[in-house]
Amino acid sequence: MRRFFGPAPIRLGTSYRGSEVSSGRMSCEHCGQPLPSTTSRFCSHCGKPVAPTRPRASPQMPKEAADVVEATRRAAGQTAQDVQSVLEDPRLRERLPGRSLALLGAGLVALAVLLPALPFFSSGLGMGWSVVMLAASVLVGVRELHAAGRPLPEPAVRAARMAEHPLFLPAFTALTFVQAFLSLDLGLVPLLWVLAAIVLGYDQRRALAALGAEQGTPSPEERRLGLWVLAGALVCAAALFLTWGQGGGYFLGGIQPVHVREWKMDGFGREYEDHYEYRYNMWSNYVSASAASGRGRPYAPIAVLMLGGLVLLTRGRRARASLPPWVLPVLAGGVTLWGIVGLASYAGPWLYLLGALVIDAAVARDFLRHSHAGSGA
């Protein structure tokens, strides 16, 4: 007589989970044969007991996610190659004095600062940051022209020496990245900021990488600190694009054409001559009240710089070891305080505060761990 069950002994009370195939049917994990029903308690091929399981996600999902990650990585690599091929093109480099990409980036920054003064552009950095970025771009330009051997007057040479500090260009590049992030939008001026950030970032890539270089193998606590701070900083950065309040209702000012009529006496009467002159008008370029994002808040560049500093210091052990231990808590407190001052009944400040609290918790835990380790030693 044919036995329905296989030769393996049956032990009641023991359950096994079968594996699923892509069609959703259960299969035995012992012999791999498909089960006739998901409610079967025993395999009809080998006789081993199995227990039906709940339907699980298709095994194709992890593969699809991996494909997306791989496609993103491939696209990022291709974009980096395209940027490198353009910036290393001899036809471009030979047109630059000293083949300096920093000079090109400084020119793009100066153009992005000066264009909003024209009547057709209605947004800018504000007077303070415009002066800072324009002055820094001029110093970089003078420095690169002097390094290329161009004859310059003595005051310009003295200004070039001021910009020869090894941290001047990396700091200027970081400020350019901040302004490009805060100006990110559709338009010519935001595009100029992005181009300037790309050019300066490529030119200073080694100096910026050295600031965040790892020294030795980070411990699990340091890796955890870096991941949590990075996650909180990304949440804060995303929150800056949301609404934080009502902005506008003010004049930006700008240069506008003004009709001028001049006259002179000729002995019998007056002769008039009409022409136009470009003059600065503080009552031009009115910005009407509208929903304003966190990027337009006062001291937003300082907040973004503090976020970048936190990410850099928690991922670069060398830079962090050269600073006092209270620097991280101070930066985290400044990020949180800036968010608390801007709290309102909008989603933006509350999401920002959530990211800031994540950073605070990670930094406070790391600070207390080092304090206990120091007191124990």
Protein backbone atom coordinates (compact mmCIF):
# COMPACT_ATOMS: atom_id res chain seq x y z
CA MET A 1 0.00 0.00 0.00
CA ARG A 2 1.27 3.43 -0.94
CA ARG A 3 1.95 5.66 2.01
CA PHE A 4 0.54 9.17 1.65
CA PHE A 5 3.23 10.66 3.84
CA GLY A 6 6.91 10.20 3.24
CA PRO A 7 9.24 8.11 5.28
CA ALA A 8 10.16 10.93 7.63
CA PRO A 9 8.58 10.63 11.07
CA ILE A 10 5.86 13.08 11.96
CA ARG A 11 6.34 15.06 15.17
CA LEU A 12 3.24 16.85 16.22
CA GLY A 13 3.58 20.20 17.92
CA THR A 14 6.52 21.26 15.73
CA SER A 15 5.93 23.96 13.15
CA TYR A 16 8.04 25.25 10.29
CA ARG A 17 7.67 28.19 8.02
CA GLY A 18 7.70 27.60 4.34
CA SER A 19 9.22 29.98 1.82
CA GLU A 20 7.24 31.89 -0.73
CA VAL A 21 7.68 32.00 -4.43
CA SER A 22 7.11 35.09 -6.50
CA SER A 23 3.59 33.97 -7.41
CA GLY A 24 2.53 34.08 -3.77
CA ARG A 25 2.14 30.25 -3.28
CA MET A 26 3.76 28.55 -0.32
CA SER A 27 6.57 26.03 -0.86
CA CYS A 28 8.12 23.58 1.56
CA GLU A 29 11.42 24.73 3.00
CA HIS A 30 12.64 21.11 3.26
CA CYS A 31 12.10 19.78 -0.27
CA GLY A 32 11.23 22.97 -2.13
CA GLN A 33 8.07 21.56 -3.68
CA PRO A 34 4.99 23.80 -3.84
CA LEU A 35 2.24 23.13 -1.32
CA PRO A 36 -1.25 22.42 -2.67
CA SER A 37 -2.77 24.96 -0.29
CA THR A 38 -1.55 27.64 2.08
CA THR A 39 -3.62 25.95 4.81
CA SER A 40 -1.79 22.60 4.53
CA ARG A 41 -0.19 21.41 7.75
CA PHE A 42 2.03 18.78 6.14
CA CYS A 43 3.96 18.60 2.90
CA SER A 44 2.46 16.04 0.49
CA HIS A 45 5.89 15.31 -0.99
CA CYS A 46 8.23 14.79 1.95
CA GLY A 47 5.78 14.54 4.83
CA LYS A 48 7.46 17.23 6.94
CA PRO A 49 5.08 19.41 9.00
CA VAL A 50 4.78 23.02 7.89
CA ALA A 51 2.78 25.94 9.19
CA PRO A 52 1.04 28.42 6.92
CA THR A 53 2.42 31.93 7.10
CA ARG A 54 0.99 35.29 6.34
CA PRO A 55 1.66 36.64 2.88
CA ARG A 56 4.89 38.55 2.85
CA ALA A 57 6.21 41.24 0.57
CA SER A 58 7.31 40.14 -2.84
CA PRO A 59 11.02 39.27 -3.03
CA GLN A 60 11.19 41.57 -6.03
CA MET A 61 10.84 44.67 -3.82
CA PRO A 62 14.41 44.61 -2.41
CA LYS A 63 15.72 44.07 -5.94
CA GLU A 64 13.72 47.04 -7.20
CA ALA A 65 15.02 49.20 -4.35
CA ALA A 66 18.58 48.09 -5.14
CA ASP A 67 18.00 48.95 -8.79
CA VAL A 68 16.86 52.44 -7.83
CA VAL A 69 19.92 52.95 -5.63
CA GLU A 70 22.20 51.68 -8.36
CA ALA A 71 20.55 53.91 -10.97
CA THR A 72 20.90 56.93 -8.67
CA ARG A 73 24.56 56.12 -8.04
CA ARG A 74 25.19 55.68 -11.75
CA ALA A 75 23.45 58.98 -12.57
CA ALA A 76 25.46 60.81 -9.88
CA GLY A 77 28.68 59.35 -11.23
CA GLN A 78 27.79 60.32 -14.78
CA THR A 79 26.93 63.87 -13.67
CA ALA A 80 30.25 64.16 -11.86
CA GLN A 81 32.07 62.99 -14.98
CA ASP A 82 30.20 65.52 -17.11
CA VAL A 83 31.06 68.36 -14.71
CA GLN A 84 34.70 67.29 -14.67
CA SER A 85 34.89 67.08 -18.45
CA VAL A 86 33.46 70.60 -18.81
CA LEU A 87 35.67 72.21 -16.14
CA GLU A 88 38.79 70.43 -17.36
CA ASP A 89 38.15 71.29 -21.00
CA PRO A 90 41.30 73.00 -22.35
CA ARG A 91 39.16 75.40 -24.37
CA LEU A 92 37.75 76.75 -21.10
CA ARG A 93 40.89 76.61 -18.97
CA GLU A 94 43.08 78.35 -21.55
CA ARG A 95 40.76 81.36 -21.57
CA LEU A 96 41.18 81.87 -17.81
CA PRO A 97 44.18 83.80 -16.46
CA GLY A 98 46.42 81.24 -14.84
CA ARG A 99 43.88 78.52 -15.79
CA SER A 100 42.19 79.43 -12.50
CA LEU A 101 38.74 78.03 -11.82
CA ALA A 102 38.61 80.06 -8.61
CA LEU A 103 38.70 83.21 -10.74
CA LEU A 104 35.75 81.93 -12.77
CA GLY A 105 33.81 81.08 -9.60
CA ALA A 106 34.52 84.51 -8.09
CA GLY A 107 33.28 86.15 -11.28
CA LEU A 108 30.05 84.17 -11.16
CA VAL A 109 29.54 85.17 -7.51
CA ALA A 110 30.09 88.86 -8.33
CA LEU A 111 27.64 88.63 -11.21
CA ALA A 112 25.04 86.90 -9.01
CA VAL A 113 25.40 89.68 -6.41
CA LEU A 114 25.23 92.59 -8.87
CA LEU A 115 22.40 91.39 -11.13
CA PRO A 116 19.60 91.89 -8.53
CA ALA A 117 20.42 95.61 -8.56
CA LEU A 118 19.00 95.86 -12.08
CA PRO A 119 15.31 96.73 -12.54
CA PHE A 120 14.36 93.34 -13.99
CA PHE A 121 15.50 91.40 -10.92
CA SER A 122 13.59 91.65 -7.67
CA SER A 123 15.51 89.55 -5.18
CA GLY A 124 18.97 89.61 -3.67
CA LEU A 125 21.00 88.75 -0.59
CA GLY A 126 20.38 92.01 1.23
CA MET A 127 22.88 94.77 1.77
CA GLY A 128 25.02 93.01 4.40
CA TRP A 129 25.62 89.71 2.68
CA SER A 130 25.90 91.38 -0.74
CA VAL A 131 28.81 93.48 0.54
CA VAL A 132 30.48 90.43 2.13
CA MET A 133 30.19 88.20 -0.93
CA LEU A 134 31.13 90.95 -3.39
CA ALA A 135 34.19 91.97 -1.36
CA ALA A 136 35.28 88.33 -1.00
CA SER A 137 34.87 87.69 -4.72
CA VAL A 138 36.95 90.78 -5.54
CA LEU A 139 39.70 89.60 -3.16
CA VAL A 140 39.71 86.15 -4.78
CA GLY A 141 39.84 87.69 -8.25
CA VAL A 142 42.73 89.98 -7.34
CA ARG A 143 44.57 87.08 -5.71
CA GLU A 144 44.23 84.84 -8.77
CA LEU A 145 45.24 87.61 -11.18
CA HIS A 146 48.30 88.35 -9.06
CA ALA A 147 49.19 84.63 -8.98
CA ALA A 148 48.84 84.51 -12.79
CA GLY A 149 51.47 87.25 -13.11
CA ARG A 150 49.15 90.05 -14.19
CA PRO A 151 50.46 93.55 -13.34
CA LEU A 152 48.41 95.12 -10.55
CA PRO A 153 48.66 98.36 -8.57
CA GLU A 154 50.23 98.17 -5.12
CA PRO A 155 46.92 98.46 -3.17
CA ALA A 156 45.55 95.52 -5.15
CA VAL A 157 48.68 93.49 -4.38
CA ARG A 158 48.26 94.18 -0.66
CA ALA A 159 44.62 93.05 -0.94
CA ALA A 160 45.77 89.89 -2.70
CA ARG A 161 48.03 89.06 0.26
CA MET A 162 45.00 89.25 2.55
CA ALA A 163 43.34 86.46 0.54
CA GLU A 164 46.36 84.15 0.55
CA HIS A 165 45.43 82.47 3.82
CA PRO A 166 44.92 78.73 3.18
CA LEU A 167 41.43 78.82 4.69
CA PHE A 168 40.22 81.86 2.74
CA LEU A 169 39.15 80.04 -0.43
CA PRO A 170 37.51 77.08 1.41
CA ALA A 171 35.58 79.56 3.58
CA PHE A 172 34.52 81.54 0.49
CA THR A 173 33.43 78.28 -1.16
CA ALA A 174 31.39 77.30 1.91
CA LEU A 175 29.65 80.70 1.93
CA THR A 176 28.90 80.30 -1.77
CA PHE A 177 27.31 76.90 -1.09
CA VAL A 178 25.17 78.45 1.64
CA GLN A 179 23.99 81.29 -0.58
CA ALA A 180 23.28 78.85 -3.44
CA PHE A 181 21.16 76.73 -1.09
CA LEU A 182 19.24 79.72 0.27
CA SER A 183 18.69 81.15 -3.23
CA LEU A 184 17.65 77.85 -4.81
CA ASP A 185 14.78 78.61 -7.19
CA LEU A 186 13.96 79.02 -10.86
CA GLY A 187 15.67 81.99 -12.47
CA LEU A 188 18.95 83.36 -13.74
CA VAL A 189 20.36 84.52 -10.41
CA PRO A 190 19.78 81.16 -8.62
CA LEU A 191 21.38 79.43 -11.61
CA LEU A 192 24.44 81.65 -11.29
CA TRP A 193 24.75 80.77 -7.61
CA VAL A 194 24.53 77.05 -8.39
CA LEU A 195 27.14 77.35 -11.14
CA ALA A 196 29.43 79.32 -8.84
CA ALA A 197 29.06 76.66 -6.12
CA ILE A 198 29.85 73.86 -8.61
CA VAL A 199 32.94 75.62 -9.98
CA LEU A 200 34.34 76.59 -6.57
CA GLY A 201 33.44 73.22 -5.06
CA TYR A 202 35.30 71.40 -7.83
CA ASP A 203 38.28 73.71 -7.49
CA GLN A 204 38.43 73.32 -3.69
CA ARG A 205 37.37 69.67 -3.50
CA ARG A 206 40.67 68.51 -2.00
CA ALA A 207 40.77 71.25 0.65
CA LEU A 208 37.16 70.59 1.64
CA ALA A 209 37.75 66.83 1.74
CA ALA A 210 40.75 67.37 4.02
CA LEU A 211 38.59 69.28 6.51
CA GLY A 212 36.23 66.32 6.84
CA ALA A 213 38.87 63.58 6.58
CA GLU A 214 38.68 60.72 9.05
CA GLN A 215 41.67 60.01 11.28
CA GLY A 216 41.73 56.34 12.10
CA THR A 217 38.70 54.10 12.34
CA PRO A 218 35.72 55.79 14.07
CA SER A 219 34.19 54.00 17.02
CA PRO A 220 30.55 52.82 16.95
CA GLU A 221 29.61 55.78 19.18
CA GLU A 222 31.22 58.23 16.77
CA ARG A 223 29.48 56.63 13.81
CA ARG A 224 26.16 56.82 15.62
CA LEU A 225 26.76 60.48 16.51
CA GLY A 226 27.57 61.35 12.89
CA LEU A 227 24.50 59.54 11.54
CA TRP A 228 22.08 61.15 14.00
CA VAL A 229 23.51 64.64 13.45
CA LEU A 230 23.37 64.16 9.68
CA ALA A 231 19.75 62.97 9.89
CA GLY A 232 18.76 65.96 12.04
CA ALA A 233 20.57 68.39 9.74
CA LEU A 234 18.76 66.99 6.70
CA VAL A 235 15.41 67.41 8.46
CA CYS A 236 16.29 71.02 9.36
CA ALA A 237 17.40 71.74 5.78
CA ALA A 238 14.17 70.31 4.36
CA ALA A 239 12.13 72.38 6.84
CA LEU A 240 13.70 75.60 5.52
CA PHE A 241 11.82 75.11 2.23
CA LEU A 242 8.44 75.06 4.01
CA THR A 243 6.34 78.05 5.07
CA TRP A 244 7.49 79.84 8.22
CA GLY A 245 5.27 82.91 8.06
CA GLN A 246 4.17 85.83 5.94
CA GLY A 247 6.92 87.76 4.21
CA GLY A 248 7.13 90.69 1.86
CA GLY A 249 5.49 94.08 2.00
CA TYR A 250 8.75 96.01 1.62
CA PHE A 251 10.92 97.72 -0.98
CA LEU A 252 14.16 96.10 -2.08
CA GLY A 253 15.41 99.15 -3.95
CA GLY A 254 17.35 99.07 -7.20
CA ILE A 255 18.77 101.01 -10.10
CA GLN A 256 16.15 102.42 -12.47
CA PRO A 257 16.16 104.71 -15.52
CA VAL A 258 15.07 108.23 -14.57
CA HIS A 259 13.86 110.85 -17.03
CA VAL A 260 15.94 114.03 -16.72
CA ARG A 261 15.17 117.38 -18.45
CA GLU A 262 17.93 119.94 -18.60
CA TRP A 263 17.52 123.54 -19.84
CA LYS A 264 19.71 126.50 -20.62
CA MET A 265 19.10 130.14 -21.54
CA ASP A 266 20.05 131.37 -25.00
CA GLY A 267 19.12 135.10 -24.75
CA PHE A 268 15.58 134.75 -26.11
CA GLY A 269 14.24 131.79 -24.09
CA ARG A 270 15.01 128.36 -22.75
CA GLU A 271 16.21 125.32 -24.61
CA TYR A 272 15.29 121.93 -23.17
CA GLU A 273 17.15 118.66 -23.58
CA ASP A 274 15.66 115.36 -22.40
CA HIS A 275 17.65 112.20 -21.62
CA TYR A 276 17.63 109.24 -19.22
CA GLU A 277 20.01 108.47 -16.38
CA TYR A 278 20.31 105.36 -14.23
CA ARG A 279 19.91 106.18 -10.55
CA TYR A 280 19.36 104.18 -7.37
CA ASN A 281 15.77 104.32 -6.13
CA MET A 282 15.11 102.95 -2.65
CA TRP A 283 11.35 102.82 -3.35
CA SER A 284 11.60 100.40 -6.29
CA ASN A 285 11.05 96.64 -6.50
CA TYR A 286 8.24 96.28 -4.01
CA VAL A 287 7.84 92.76 -2.59
CA SER A 288 4.22 92.04 -1.77
CA ALA A 289 3.26 90.01 1.30
CA SER A 290 3.21 86.28 0.65
CA ALA A 291 4.09 82.97 2.28
CA ALA A 292 7.77 83.04 3.22
CA SER A 293 10.01 80.03 3.72
CA GLY A 294 12.63 79.63 6.40
CA ARG A 295 15.38 80.51 3.93
CA GLY A 296 14.25 84.13 4.01
CA ARG A 297 14.41 84.49 7.78
CA PRO A 298 17.03 86.75 9.39
CA TYR A 299 20.37 85.04 10.02
CA ALA A 300 19.37 82.02 7.92
CA PRO A 301 22.93 81.81 6.45
CA ILE A 302 24.32 81.60 9.98
CA ALA A 303 21.93 78.76 10.83
CA VAL A 304 22.91 76.84 7.68
CA LEU A 305 26.60 77.37 8.46
CA MET A 306 26.07 75.99 11.97
CA LEU A 307 24.30 72.94 10.55
CA GLY A 308 27.15 72.36 8.12
CA GLY A 309 29.68 72.80 10.90
CA LEU A 310 27.92 70.18 13.04
CA VAL A 311 27.92 67.66 10.19
CA LEU A 312 31.56 68.39 9.38
CA LEU A 313 32.80 68.13 12.97
CA THR A 314 30.90 64.93 13.75
CA ARG A 315 32.25 63.22 10.62
CA GLY A 316 35.80 64.58 10.66
CA ARG A 317 37.71 63.49 13.74
CA ARG A 318 40.77 65.56 12.85
CA ALA A 319 38.87 68.85 12.72
CA ARG A 320 36.92 67.99 15.86
CA ALA A 321 40.02 67.04 17.85
CA SER A 322 41.55 70.47 17.19
CA LEU A 323 38.63 72.31 18.83
CA PRO A 324 37.43 72.53 22.45
CA PRO A 325 34.75 69.98 23.49
CA TRP A 326 32.14 72.68 24.07
CA VAL A 327 32.04 73.70 20.37
CA LEU A 328 29.50 71.02 19.39
CA PRO A 329 27.04 71.85 22.21
CA VAL A 330 27.30 75.56 21.39
CA LEU A 331 26.59 74.96 17.70
CA ALA A 332 23.67 72.66 18.51
CA GLY A 333 22.28 75.23 20.95
CA GLY A 334 22.57 77.98 18.33
CA VAL A 335 20.69 75.88 15.78
CA THR A 336 17.91 75.18 18.28
CA LEU A 337 17.68 78.78 19.47
CA TRP A 338 17.33 80.06 15.90
CA GLY A 339 14.42 77.66 15.38
CA ILE A 340 12.72 78.55 18.67
CA VAL A 341 12.81 82.27 17.86
CA GLY A 342 10.98 81.58 14.60
CA LEU A 343 8.24 79.33 16.02
CA ALA A 344 4.82 79.99 14.51
CA SER A 345 1.67 78.10 13.58
CA TYR A 346 3.24 76.66 10.42
CA ALA A 347 4.75 73.28 9.60
CA GLY A 348 8.20 74.63 8.75
CA PRO A 349 9.43 75.78 12.18
CA TRP A 350 8.06 72.72 13.97
CA LEU A 351 9.73 70.31 11.57
CA TYR A 352 12.95 72.29 11.93
CA LEU A 353 12.66 72.11 15.71
CA LEU A 354 12.23 68.33 15.49
CA GLY A 355 15.48 68.01 13.54
CA ALA A 356 17.22 70.36 15.98
CA LEU A 357 16.11 68.27 18.95
CA VAL A 358 17.50 65.14 17.29
CA ILE A 359 20.85 66.94 16.95
CA ASP A 360 20.67 68.16 20.57
CA ALA A 361 19.99 64.67 21.91
CA ALA A 362 22.89 63.14 19.96
CA VAL A 363 25.35 65.90 20.88
CA ALA A 364 24.29 65.91 24.56
CA ARG A 365 24.70 62.15 24.79
CA ASP A 366 28.17 62.32 23.25
CA PHE A 367 29.19 65.22 25.49
CA LEU A 368 28.07 63.38 28.63
CA ARG A 369 29.87 60.23 27.51
CA HIS A 370 33.13 62.14 27.11
CA SER A 371 32.59 63.91 30.43
CA HIS A 372 32.11 60.60 32.28
CA ALA A 373 35.12 59.12 30.50
CA GLY A 374 37.25 62.11 31.48
CA SER A 375 36.12 62.04 35.13
CA GLY A 376 36.69 58.29 35.32
CA ALA A 377 40.20 58.66 33.99
